Amino acid sequence: MVLSPRNSLSGLLTVAVAVLLFAAGSIVCVPSAVALPPGTPSKATAQSQLNSLSVRSQESMTGYSRDRFPHWITISGTCNTRETVLKRDADSVTVGSDCYPTSGRWYSYYDGAVWYQASDLDIDHIVPLAEAWRSGASHWTTSKRQSFANDLNGPQLIAVTDNVNQAKGDQDPSTWQPPRSGARCAYAKWWIHTKYRWGLHLQSSEKSALQSMLNSCSY
């Protein structure tokens, strides 16, 4: 298994005093450094990529099924894509013989929660599979859709609090953004870069929302 390098958002995720709120088994805090997906572009690069993306009407959902995007495939040994991301995004992780994490510490970037059990996390597709389908992926081969659904080379997969991911569903940034305002700059960059890398188009309202989010970036 290839583990992606850990990145940190300098100056944004350091604290003088940690505020700990115990709720539903989580600790809400801001650590000094967090694991982020690979390939986060600079603000300038993301802006250039956003400018180059095609704006079109949303395509039909006819024929869509998550099964059209084979996901959580085996990556290495007994580790599938989901387990690989859980290992990549954790601190002090230990795994069983089946590669599933038995302990670790995960910071959910979207909402700032910290979790100690992998079962409290979902792996979010930054650009949801249904959103990809109606943005051009319906025309892809199954092989390409599989590569998209298991993309570990770009910022398309991240471990986050399960109910936050479920609240997002298949919405684009015009109707859903991370609840933690400090996450929205990076989220916009990840979304833009993923659509750029995979040649997916935007809707007008989606582009406007992304531009507003990108305008808030200081890095």
C-alpha atoms as a PDB file:
ATOM      1  CA  MET A   1       0.000   0.000   0.000  1.00  0.00           C
ATOM      2  CA  VAL A   2       1.258   3.447  -0.868  1.00  0.00           C
ATOM      3  CA  LEU A   3       0.570   6.018   1.814  1.00  0.00           C
ATOM      4  CA  SER A   4       0.128   9.607   0.733  1.00  0.00           C
ATOM      5  CA  PRO A   5       2.273  12.227   2.477  1.00  0.00           C
ATOM      6  CA  ARG A   6       0.739  14.180   5.294  1.00  0.00           C
ATOM      7  CA  ASN A   7       0.164  17.842   4.674  1.00  0.00           C
ATOM      8  CA  SER A   8      -0.679  20.623   7.103  1.00  0.00           C
ATOM      9  CA  LEU A   9      -2.386  23.952   6.719  1.00  0.00           C
ATOM     10  CA  SER A  10       0.222  26.286   8.180  1.00  0.00           C
ATOM     11  CA  GLY A  11      -1.153  28.827  10.561  1.00  0.00           C
ATOM     12  CA  LEU A  12      -4.745  27.657  10.215  1.00  0.00           C
ATOM     13  CA  LEU A  13      -4.752  24.623  12.443  1.00  0.00           C
ATOM     14  CA  THR A  14      -2.557  25.714  15.375  1.00  0.00           C
ATOM     15  CA  VAL A  15      -4.087  26.625  18.684  1.00  0.00           C
ATOM     16  CA  ALA A  16      -2.953  28.203  21.914  1.00  0.00           C
ATOM     17  CA  VAL A  17      -5.728  26.599  23.936  1.00  0.00           C
ATOM     18  CA  ALA A  18      -7.589  23.474  22.814  1.00  0.00           C
ATOM     19  CA  VAL A  19     -11.287  23.518  23.526  1.00  0.00           C
ATOM     20  CA  LEU A  20     -12.476  19.999  24.224  1.00  0.00           C
ATOM     21  CA  LEU A  21     -16.153  19.188  23.926  1.00  0.00           C
ATOM     22  CA  PHE A  22     -17.136  15.611  24.682  1.00  0.00           C
ATOM     23  CA  ALA A  23     -20.191  14.613  22.692  1.00  0.00           C
ATOM     24  CA  ALA A  24     -21.327  11.344  21.193  1.00  0.00           C
ATOM     25  CA  GLY A  25     -17.933   9.808  21.744  1.00  0.00           C
ATOM     26  CA  SER A  26     -16.024  12.516  19.903  1.00  0.00           C
ATOM     27  CA  ILE A  27     -13.736  15.346  20.944  1.00  0.00           C
ATOM     28  CA  VAL A  28     -14.203  18.581  19.042  1.00  0.00           C
ATOM     29  CA  CYS A  29     -10.840  20.305  18.778  1.00  0.00           C
ATOM     30  CA  VAL A  30      -8.326  21.717  16.353  1.00  0.00           C
ATOM     31  CA  PRO A  31      -5.051  19.788  16.204  1.00  0.00           C
ATOM     32  CA  SER A  32      -1.723  21.313  15.247  1.00  0.00           C
ATOM     33  CA  ALA A  33      -1.577  19.311  12.012  1.00  0.00           C
ATOM     34  CA  VAL A  34      -3.995  17.131  10.114  1.00  0.00           C
ATOM     35  CA  ALA A  35      -3.748  14.605   7.333  1.00  0.00           C
ATOM     36  CA  LEU A  36      -5.187  15.889   4.076  1.00  0.00           C
ATOM     37  CA  PRO A  37      -5.675  14.246   0.689  1.00  0.00           C
ATOM     38  CA  PRO A  38      -2.770  14.525  -1.760  1.00  0.00           C
ATOM     39  CA  GLY A  39      -2.639  17.023  -4.570  1.00  0.00           C
ATOM     40  CA  THR A  40      -4.217  20.138  -3.063  1.00  0.00           C
ATOM     41  CA  PRO A  41      -3.507  22.901  -5.607  1.00  0.00           C
ATOM     42  CA  SER A  42      -2.515  26.454  -4.790  1.00  0.00           C
ATOM     43  CA  LYS A  43      -5.162  29.157  -4.954  1.00  0.00           C
ATOM     44  CA  ALA A  44      -3.726  30.412  -8.256  1.00  0.00           C
ATOM     45  CA  THR A  45      -3.702  26.934  -9.782  1.00  0.00           C
ATOM     46  CA  ALA A  46      -7.243  26.227  -8.603  1.00  0.00           C
ATOM     47  CA  GLN A  47      -8.396  29.541 -10.071  1.00  0.00           C
ATOM     48  CA  SER A  48      -6.809  28.718 -13.417  1.00  0.00           C
ATOM     49  CA  GLN A  49      -8.411  25.274 -13.393  1.00  0.00           C
ATOM     50  CA  LEU A  50     -11.818  26.706 -12.470  1.00  0.00           C
ATOM     51  CA  ASN A  51     -11.588  29.195 -15.324  1.00  0.00           C
ATOM     52  CA  SER A  52     -10.878  26.386 -17.791  1.00  0.00           C
ATOM     53  CA  LEU A  53     -13.748  24.084 -16.800  1.00  0.00           C
ATOM     54  CA  SER A  54     -16.758  23.903 -19.112  1.00  0.00           C
ATOM     55  CA  VAL A  55     -20.096  25.156 -17.794  1.00  0.00           C
ATOM     56  CA  ARG A  56     -23.076  23.143 -19.018  1.00  0.00           C
ATOM     57  CA  SER A  57     -26.521  22.060 -17.952  1.00  0.00           C
ATOM     58  CA  GLN A  58     -26.736  19.115 -15.607  1.00  0.00           C
ATOM     59  CA  GLU A  59     -27.069  15.806 -17.433  1.00  0.00           C
ATOM     60  CA  SER A  60     -29.717  13.158 -16.803  1.00  0.00           C
ATOM     61  CA  MET A  61     -29.449  10.649 -13.962  1.00  0.00           C
ATOM     62  CA  THR A  62     -30.970   7.981 -16.208  1.00  0.00           C
ATOM     63  CA  GLY A  63     -29.056   4.736 -15.830  1.00  0.00           C
ATOM     64  CA  TYR A  64     -27.179   5.826 -12.703  1.00  0.00           C
ATOM     65  CA  SER A  65     -26.287   3.358  -9.980  1.00  0.00           C
ATOM     66  CA  ARG A  66     -23.401   3.316  -7.537  1.00  0.00           C
ATOM     67  CA  ASP A  67     -22.647  -0.095  -8.998  1.00  0.00           C
ATOM     68  CA  ARG A  68     -21.676   1.696 -12.210  1.00  0.00           C
ATOM     69  CA  PHE A  69     -18.671   2.969 -10.227  1.00  0.00           C
ATOM     70  CA  PRO A  70     -17.041  -0.169  -8.754  1.00  0.00           C
ATOM     71  CA  HIS A  71     -15.551   1.096  -5.496  1.00  0.00           C
ATOM     72  CA  TRP A  72     -13.544  -0.076  -2.508  1.00  0.00           C
ATOM     73  CA  ILE A  73     -11.448  -2.351  -4.668  1.00  0.00           C
ATOM     74  CA  THR A  74      -8.376  -4.175  -3.340  1.00  0.00           C
ATOM     75  CA  ILE A  75      -5.358  -1.858  -3.296  1.00  0.00           C
ATOM     76  CA  SER A  76      -2.660  -3.952  -1.641  1.00  0.00           C
ATOM     77  CA  GLY A  77      -2.769  -7.263   0.208  1.00  0.00           C
ATOM     78  CA  THR A  78      -6.023  -7.353   2.158  1.00  0.00           C
ATOM     79  CA  CYS A  79      -6.449  -3.558   2.087  1.00  0.00           C
ATOM     80  CA  ASN A  80      -9.223  -2.063  -0.006  1.00  0.00           C
ATOM     81  CA  THR A  81      -9.580   1.604  -0.930  1.00  0.00           C
ATOM     82  CA  ARG A  82     -11.635   2.493   2.133  1.00  0.00           C
ATOM     83  CA  GLU A  83      -9.162   0.906   4.517  1.00  0.00           C
ATOM     84  CA  THR A  84      -6.261   2.546   2.704  1.00  0.00           C
ATOM     85  CA  VAL A  85      -7.798   5.995   3.228  1.00  0.00           C
ATOM     86  CA  LEU A  86      -8.589   5.228   6.875  1.00  0.00           C
ATOM     87  CA  LYS A  87      -4.935   4.290   7.418  1.00  0.00           C
ATOM     88  CA  ARG A  88      -3.652   7.298   5.481  1.00  0.00           C
ATOM     89  CA  ASP A  89      -5.794   9.806   7.361  1.00  0.00           C
ATOM     90  CA  ALA A  90      -5.175   8.464  10.881  1.00  0.00           C
ATOM     91  CA  ASP A  91      -2.644   9.114  13.597  1.00  0.00           C
ATOM     92  CA  SER A  92      -1.263   6.138  15.549  1.00  0.00           C
ATOM     93  CA  VAL A  93      -3.362   3.641  13.630  1.00  0.00           C
ATOM     94  CA  THR A  94      -3.273  -0.103  14.211  1.00  0.00           C
ATOM     95  CA  VAL A  95      -4.999  -2.621  11.965  1.00  0.00           C
ATOM     96  CA  GLY A  96      -6.103  -6.224  12.144  1.00  0.00           C
ATOM     97  CA  SER A  97      -5.130  -9.017   9.775  1.00  0.00           C
ATOM     98  CA  ASP A  98      -8.003  -7.955   7.504  1.00  0.00           C
ATOM     99  CA  CYS A  99      -6.511  -4.411   7.304  1.00  0.00           C
ATOM    100  CA  TYR A 100      -9.471  -2.814   9.090  1.00  0.00           C
ATOM    101  CA  PRO A 101      -8.276  -0.276  11.697  1.00  0.00           C
ATOM    102  CA  THR A 102      -8.719  -1.471  15.270  1.00  0.00           C
ATOM    103  CA  SER A 103      -7.562   1.805  16.815  1.00  0.00           C
ATOM    104  CA  GLY A 104      -6.380   5.239  15.775  1.00  0.00           C
ATOM    105  CA  ARG A 105      -7.161   8.930  15.869  1.00  0.00           C
ATOM    106  CA  TRP A 106      -8.993  10.680  13.026  1.00  0.00           C
ATOM    107  CA  TYR A 107      -9.621  14.399  12.590  1.00  0.00           C
ATOM    108  CA  SER A 108     -12.728  15.054  10.497  1.00  0.00           C
ATOM    109  CA  TYR A 109     -11.727  18.079   8.447  1.00  0.00           C
ATOM    110  CA  TYR A 110     -15.290  19.062   7.529  1.00  0.00           C
ATOM    111  CA  ASP A 111     -16.584  19.542  11.075  1.00  0.00           C
ATOM    112  CA  GLY A 112     -13.528  19.525  13.350  1.00  0.00           C
ATOM    113  CA  ALA A 113     -14.482  16.383  15.272  1.00  0.00           C
ATOM    114  CA  VAL A 114     -11.902  13.861  16.439  1.00  0.00           C
ATOM    115  CA  TRP A 115     -12.793  10.174  16.432  1.00  0.00           C
ATOM    116  CA  TYR A 116     -11.125   7.088  17.845  1.00  0.00           C
ATOM    117  CA  GLN A 117     -13.155   4.382  16.113  1.00  0.00           C
ATOM    118  CA  ALA A 118     -13.120   3.836  12.353  1.00  0.00           C
ATOM    119  CA  SER A 119     -16.818   2.957  12.464  1.00  0.00           C
ATOM    120  CA  ASP A 120     -17.589   6.630  13.170  1.00  0.00           C
ATOM    121  CA  LEU A 121     -16.160   7.668   9.802  1.00  0.00           C
ATOM    122  CA  ASP A 122     -17.226   7.536   6.182  1.00  0.00           C
ATOM    123  CA  ILE A 123     -14.923   7.925   3.209  1.00  0.00           C
ATOM    124  CA  ASP A 124     -16.269  10.878   1.260  1.00  0.00           C
ATOM    125  CA  HIS A 125     -15.919  11.186  -2.490  1.00  0.00           C
ATOM    126  CA  ILE A 126     -15.213  14.924  -2.744  1.00  0.00           C
ATOM    127  CA  VAL A 127     -17.067  14.924  -6.062  1.00  0.00           C
ATOM    128  CA  PRO A 128     -19.873  12.426  -5.372  1.00  0.00           C
ATOM    129  CA  LEU A 129     -20.394   9.564  -7.784  1.00  0.00           C
ATOM    130  CA  ALA A 130     -23.873  10.778  -8.742  1.00  0.00           C
ATOM    131  CA  GLU A 131     -22.517  14.295  -9.325  1.00  0.00           C
ATOM    132  CA  ALA A 132     -19.799  12.857 -11.548  1.00  0.00           C
ATOM    133  CA  TRP A 133     -22.428  10.901 -13.485  1.00  0.00           C
ATOM    134  CA  ARG A 134     -24.444  14.012 -14.308  1.00  0.00           C
ATOM    135  CA  SER A 135     -21.248  15.962 -15.070  1.00  0.00           C
ATOM    136  CA  GLY A 136     -19.954  13.657 -17.795  1.00  0.00           C
ATOM    137  CA  ALA A 137     -19.060  10.305 -16.206  1.00  0.00           C
ATOM    138  CA  SER A 138     -22.139   8.645 -17.690  1.00  0.00           C
ATOM    139  CA  HIS A 139     -20.180   8.569 -20.959  1.00  0.00           C
ATOM    140  CA  TRP A 140     -17.132   6.857 -19.437  1.00  0.00           C
ATOM    141  CA  THR A 141     -16.207   3.208 -19.534  1.00  0.00           C
ATOM    142  CA  THR A 142     -16.756   1.157 -16.391  1.00  0.00           C
ATOM    143  CA  SER A 143     -12.983   0.910 -16.024  1.00  0.00           C
ATOM    144  CA  LYS A 144     -12.630   4.698 -15.936  1.00  0.00           C
ATOM    145  CA  ARG A 145     -15.480   5.048 -13.460  1.00  0.00           C
ATOM    146  CA  GLN A 146     -13.758   2.481 -11.239  1.00  0.00           C
ATOM    147  CA  SER A 147     -10.535   4.489 -11.355  1.00  0.00           C
ATOM    148  CA  PHE A 148     -12.459   7.627 -10.408  1.00  0.00           C
ATOM    149  CA  ALA A 149     -14.250   5.950  -7.494  1.00  0.00           C
ATOM    150  CA  ASN A 150     -10.951   4.667  -6.068  1.00  0.00           C
ATOM    151  CA  ASP A 151      -8.719   7.657  -6.872  1.00  0.00           C
ATOM    152  CA  LEU A 152      -5.901   7.800  -4.324  1.00  0.00           C
ATOM    153  CA  ASN A 153      -3.656  10.032  -6.434  1.00  0.00           C
ATOM    154  CA  GLY A 154      -5.666  13.229  -6.118  1.00  0.00           C
ATOM    155  CA  PRO A 155      -7.783  14.946  -3.464  1.00  0.00           C
ATOM    156  CA  GLN A 156     -10.930  12.922  -4.152  1.00  0.00           C
ATOM    157  CA  LEU A 157     -11.186  10.742  -1.028  1.00  0.00           C
ATOM    158  CA  ILE A 158     -11.134  11.779   2.639  1.00  0.00           C
ATOM    159  CA  ALA A 159     -12.220  10.252   5.955  1.00  0.00           C
ATOM    160  CA  VAL A 160     -14.888  12.387   7.655  1.00  0.00           C
ATOM    161  CA  THR A 161     -17.612  12.096  10.288  1.00  0.00           C
ATOM    162  CA  ASP A 162     -20.209   9.683   8.939  1.00  0.00           C
ATOM    163  CA  ASN A 163     -23.329  11.787   9.485  1.00  0.00           C
ATOM    164  CA  VAL A 164     -21.672  14.854   7.938  1.00  0.00           C
ATOM    165  CA  ASN A 165     -20.922  12.848   4.812  1.00  0.00           C
ATOM    166  CA  GLN A 166     -24.478  11.536   4.780  1.00  0.00           C
ATOM    167  CA  ALA A 167     -25.860  15.078   5.069  1.00  0.00           C
ATOM    168  CA  LYS A 168     -23.791  16.056   2.025  1.00  0.00           C
ATOM    169  CA  GLY A 169     -25.150  13.212  -0.084  1.00  0.00           C
ATOM    170  CA  ASP A 170     -24.626  13.967  -3.774  1.00  0.00           C
ATOM    171  CA  GLN A 171     -24.920  17.757  -3.486  1.00  0.00           C
ATOM    172  CA  ASP A 172     -22.544  20.171  -5.188  1.00  0.00           C
ATOM    173  CA  PRO A 173     -21.114  23.285  -3.461  1.00  0.00           C
ATOM    174  CA  SER A 174     -24.074  25.449  -4.493  1.00  0.00           C
ATOM    175  CA  THR A 175     -26.236  23.569  -1.970  1.00  0.00           C
ATOM    176  CA  TRP A 176     -23.732  22.017   0.472  1.00  0.00           C
ATOM    177  CA  GLN A 177     -20.420  23.158   1.933  1.00  0.00           C
ATOM    178  CA  PRO A 178     -18.482  21.840   4.945  1.00  0.00           C
ATOM    179  CA  PRO A 179     -20.062  23.060   8.203  1.00  0.00           C
ATOM    180  CA  ARG A 180     -16.655  24.219   9.471  1.00  0.00           C
ATOM    181  CA  SER A 181     -16.002  27.482   7.640  1.00  0.00           C
ATOM    182  CA  GLY A 182     -12.236  26.942   7.806  1.00  0.00           C
ATOM    183  CA  ALA A 183     -12.589  23.850   5.636  1.00  0.00           C
ATOM    184  CA  ARG A 184     -14.278  25.535   2.696  1.00  0.00           C
ATOM    185  CA  CYS A 185     -11.189  26.917   0.971  1.00  0.00           C
ATOM    186  CA  ALA A 186      -9.500  23.523   0.737  1.00  0.00           C
ATOM    187  CA  TYR A 187     -12.804  21.848  -0.148  1.00  0.00           C
ATOM    188  CA  ALA A 188     -13.253  24.182  -3.122  1.00  0.00           C
ATOM    189  CA  LYS A 189      -9.701  23.447  -4.276  1.00  0.00           C
ATOM    190  CA  TRP A 190     -10.262  19.699  -3.995  1.00  0.00           C
ATOM    191  CA  TRP A 191     -13.545  19.875  -5.900  1.00  0.00           C
ATOM    192  CA  ILE A 192     -12.107  22.048  -8.667  1.00  0.00           C
ATOM    193  CA  HIS A 193      -8.952  19.949  -9.023  1.00  0.00           C
ATOM    194  CA  THR A 194     -10.919  16.700  -9.146  1.00  0.00           C
ATOM    195  CA  LYS A 195     -13.262  17.966 -11.846  1.00  0.00           C
ATOM    196  CA  TYR A 196     -10.281  19.342 -13.759  1.00  0.00           C
ATOM    197  CA  ARG A 197      -8.255  16.116 -13.541  1.00  0.00           C
ATOM    198  CA  TRP A 198     -11.194  14.024 -14.686  1.00  0.00           C
ATOM    199  CA  GLY A 199     -12.590  16.375 -17.331  1.00  0.00           C
ATOM    200  CA  LEU A 200     -15.980  16.858 -15.677  1.00  0.00           C
ATOM    201  CA  HIS A 201     -18.070  19.936 -16.328  1.00  0.00           C
ATOM    202  CA  LEU A 202     -19.746  22.422 -13.982  1.00  0.00           C
ATOM    203  CA  GLN A 203     -23.147  23.992 -13.641  1.00  0.00           C
ATOM    204  CA  SER A 204     -23.375  27.780 -13.456  1.00  0.00           C
ATOM    205  CA  SER A 205     -24.541  27.832  -9.820  1.00  0.00           C
ATOM    206  CA  GLU A 206     -21.804  25.376  -8.880  1.00  0.00           C
ATOM    207  CA  LYS A 207     -19.116  27.550 -10.468  1.00  0.00           C
ATOM    208  CA  SER A 208     -20.404  30.655  -8.673  1.00  0.00           C
ATOM    209  CA  ALA A 209     -20.286  28.866  -5.320  1.00  0.00           C
ATOM    210  CA  LEU A 210     -16.774  27.577  -5.975  1.00  0.00           C
ATOM    211  CA  GLN A 211     -15.582  31.044  -6.952  1.00  0.00           C
ATOM    212  CA  SER A 212     -16.977  32.498  -3.739  1.00  0.00           C
ATOM    213  CA  MET A 213     -15.271  29.790  -1.688  1.00  0.00           C
ATOM    214  CA  LEU A 214     -11.997  30.273  -3.541  1.00  0.00           C
ATOM    215  CA  ASN A 215     -12.144  34.016  -2.933  1.00  0.00           C
ATOM    216  CA  SER A 216     -11.975  33.270   0.791  1.00  0.00           C
ATOM    217  CA  CYS A 217      -8.654  31.435   0.436  1.00  0.00           C
ATOM    218  CA  SER A 218      -5.561  33.093   1.852  1.00  0.00           C
ATOM    219  CA  TYR A 219      -3.178  30.445   0.512  1.00  0.00           C
END
